[in-house]
Amino acid sequence: MPRVAKPYDPVRIAHLKDQIRDPEYVNGAIDRLAGRITDKLLGLEEQPVRADRRGYRRASSSSMENAFLLSDDG
């Protein structure tokens, strides 16, 4: 059975364009992806994703925690 595409939502598209233009959001998105990749590579258990005060999703692991795990001393 063929799938029917969702109708075009100009409000959602405008919101996504605004997010892409926000350097803080893009940096956060890159950090979240890097954290997920690092967690997968290190075999860490996945924890729920939190939202910060602006509603952006944040990875639960910090780059400092991951840097400690990757260091020779850790």
C-alpha atoms as a PDB file:
ATOM      1  CA  MET A   1       0.000   0.000   0.000  1.00  0.00           C
ATOM      2  CA  PRO A   2       1.527   3.378  -0.950  1.00  0.00           C
ATOM      3  CA  ARG A   3       2.252   5.914   1.746  1.00  0.00           C
ATOM      4  CA  VAL A   4       0.679   9.334   1.576  1.00  0.00           C
ATOM      5  CA  ALA A   5       2.965  12.273   2.334  1.00  0.00           C
ATOM      6  CA  LYS A   6       2.062  14.586   5.185  1.00  0.00           C
ATOM      7  CA  PRO A   7       0.707  17.953   4.100  1.00  0.00           C
ATOM      8  CA  TYR A   8       3.195  20.830   3.830  1.00  0.00           C
ATOM      9  CA  ASP A   9       3.288  22.813   7.080  1.00  0.00           C
ATOM     10  CA  PRO A  10       4.711  26.302   6.401  1.00  0.00           C
ATOM     11  CA  VAL A  11       4.763  27.216  10.114  1.00  0.00           C
ATOM     12  CA  ARG A  12       6.918  24.188  10.977  1.00  0.00           C
ATOM     13  CA  ILE A  13       9.222  24.840   8.007  1.00  0.00           C
ATOM     14  CA  ALA A  14       9.667  28.465   9.111  1.00  0.00           C
ATOM     15  CA  HIS A  15      10.456  27.303  12.659  1.00  0.00           C
ATOM     16  CA  LEU A  16      13.069  24.831  11.389  1.00  0.00           C
ATOM     17  CA  LYS A  17      14.668  27.528   9.220  1.00  0.00           C
ATOM     18  CA  ASP A  18      14.914  29.797  12.273  1.00  0.00           C
ATOM     19  CA  GLN A  19      16.590  27.011  14.256  1.00  0.00           C
ATOM     20  CA  ILE A  20      19.123  26.355  11.484  1.00  0.00           C
ATOM     21  CA  ARG A  21      20.062  30.050  11.438  1.00  0.00           C
ATOM     22  CA  ASP A  22      20.656  30.096  15.212  1.00  0.00           C
ATOM     23  CA  PRO A  23      24.382  29.361  15.799  1.00  0.00           C
ATOM     24  CA  GLU A  24      23.740  28.316  19.411  1.00  0.00           C
ATOM     25  CA  TYR A  25      21.181  25.730  18.305  1.00  0.00           C
ATOM     26  CA  VAL A  26      23.479  24.367  15.572  1.00  0.00           C
ATOM     27  CA  ASN A  27      26.395  24.106  18.028  1.00  0.00           C
ATOM     28  CA  GLY A  28      24.141  22.290  20.471  1.00  0.00           C
ATOM     29  CA  ALA A  29      22.977  19.907  17.764  1.00  0.00           C
ATOM     30  CA  ILE A  30      26.580  19.115  16.841  1.00  0.00           C
ATOM     31  CA  ASP A  31      27.442  18.541  20.508  1.00  0.00           C
ATOM     32  CA  ARG A  32      24.453  16.199  20.915  1.00  0.00           C
ATOM     33  CA  LEU A  33      25.452  14.175  17.860  1.00  0.00           C
ATOM     34  CA  ALA A  34      29.079  14.000  18.997  1.00  0.00           C
ATOM     35  CA  GLY A  35      27.944  12.867  22.443  1.00  0.00           C
ATOM     36  CA  ARG A  36      25.736  10.141  20.986  1.00  0.00           C
ATOM     37  CA  ILE A  37      28.532   8.883  18.737  1.00  0.00           C
ATOM     38  CA  THR A  38      31.003   8.887  21.636  1.00  0.00           C
ATOM     39  CA  ASP A  39      28.548   7.045  23.874  1.00  0.00           C
ATOM     40  CA  LYS A  40      28.022   4.409  21.182  1.00  0.00           C
ATOM     41  CA  LEU A  41      31.760   3.993  20.615  1.00  0.00           C
ATOM     42  CA  LEU A  42      32.473   3.683  24.344  1.00  0.00           C
ATOM     43  CA  GLY A  43      29.527   1.338  24.872  1.00  0.00           C
ATOM     44  CA  LEU A  44      27.918   3.575  27.471  1.00  0.00           C
ATOM     45  CA  GLU A  45      24.269   3.057  28.296  1.00  0.00           C
ATOM     46  CA  GLU A  46      21.920   5.561  26.738  1.00  0.00           C
ATOM     47  CA  GLN A  47      20.284   7.954  29.156  1.00  0.00           C
ATOM     48  CA  PRO A  48      17.192  10.045  28.480  1.00  0.00           C
ATOM     49  CA  VAL A  49      17.636  13.339  26.644  1.00  0.00           C
ATOM     50  CA  ARG A  50      16.872  16.503  28.622  1.00  0.00           C
ATOM     51  CA  ALA A  51      15.620  19.863  27.413  1.00  0.00           C
ATOM     52  CA  ASP A  52      17.292  23.079  28.426  1.00  0.00           C
ATOM     53  CA  ARG A  53      15.408  26.253  29.297  1.00  0.00           C
ATOM     54  CA  ARG A  54      14.914  27.229  25.643  1.00  0.00           C
ATOM     55  CA  GLY A  55      13.396  23.857  24.786  1.00  0.00           C
ATOM     56  CA  TYR A  56      16.447  22.615  22.884  1.00  0.00           C
ATOM     57  CA  ARG A  57      17.180  18.977  23.460  1.00  0.00           C
ATOM     58  CA  ARG A  58      20.482  18.217  25.148  1.00  0.00           C
ATOM     59  CA  ALA A  59      22.438  15.025  25.429  1.00  0.00           C
ATOM     60  CA  SER A  60      22.811  13.872  28.999  1.00  0.00           C
ATOM     61  CA  SER A  61      26.540  13.216  28.826  1.00  0.00           C
ATOM     62  CA  SER A  62      28.855  16.173  28.815  1.00  0.00           C
ATOM     63  CA  SER A  63      31.937  16.557  26.696  1.00  0.00           C
ATOM     64  CA  MET A  64      34.020  16.871  29.875  1.00  0.00           C
ATOM     65  CA  GLU A  65      32.793  13.474  31.102  1.00  0.00           C
ATOM     66  CA  ASN A  66      33.584  11.921  27.744  1.00  0.00           C
ATOM     67  CA  ALA A  67      37.015  13.594  27.631  1.00  0.00           C
ATOM     68  CA  PHE A  68      37.790  12.098  31.049  1.00  0.00           C
ATOM     69  CA  LEU A  69      36.832   8.628  29.837  1.00  0.00           C
ATOM     70  CA  LEU A  70      39.028   9.005  26.748  1.00  0.00           C
ATOM     71  CA  SER A  71      42.085  10.319  28.643  1.00  0.00           C
ATOM     72  CA  ASP A  72      44.988   8.054  29.615  1.00  0.00           C
ATOM     73  CA  ASP A  73      44.495   8.884  33.298  1.00  0.00           C
ATOM     74  CA  GLY A  74      40.781   7.903  33.353  1.00  0.00           C
END
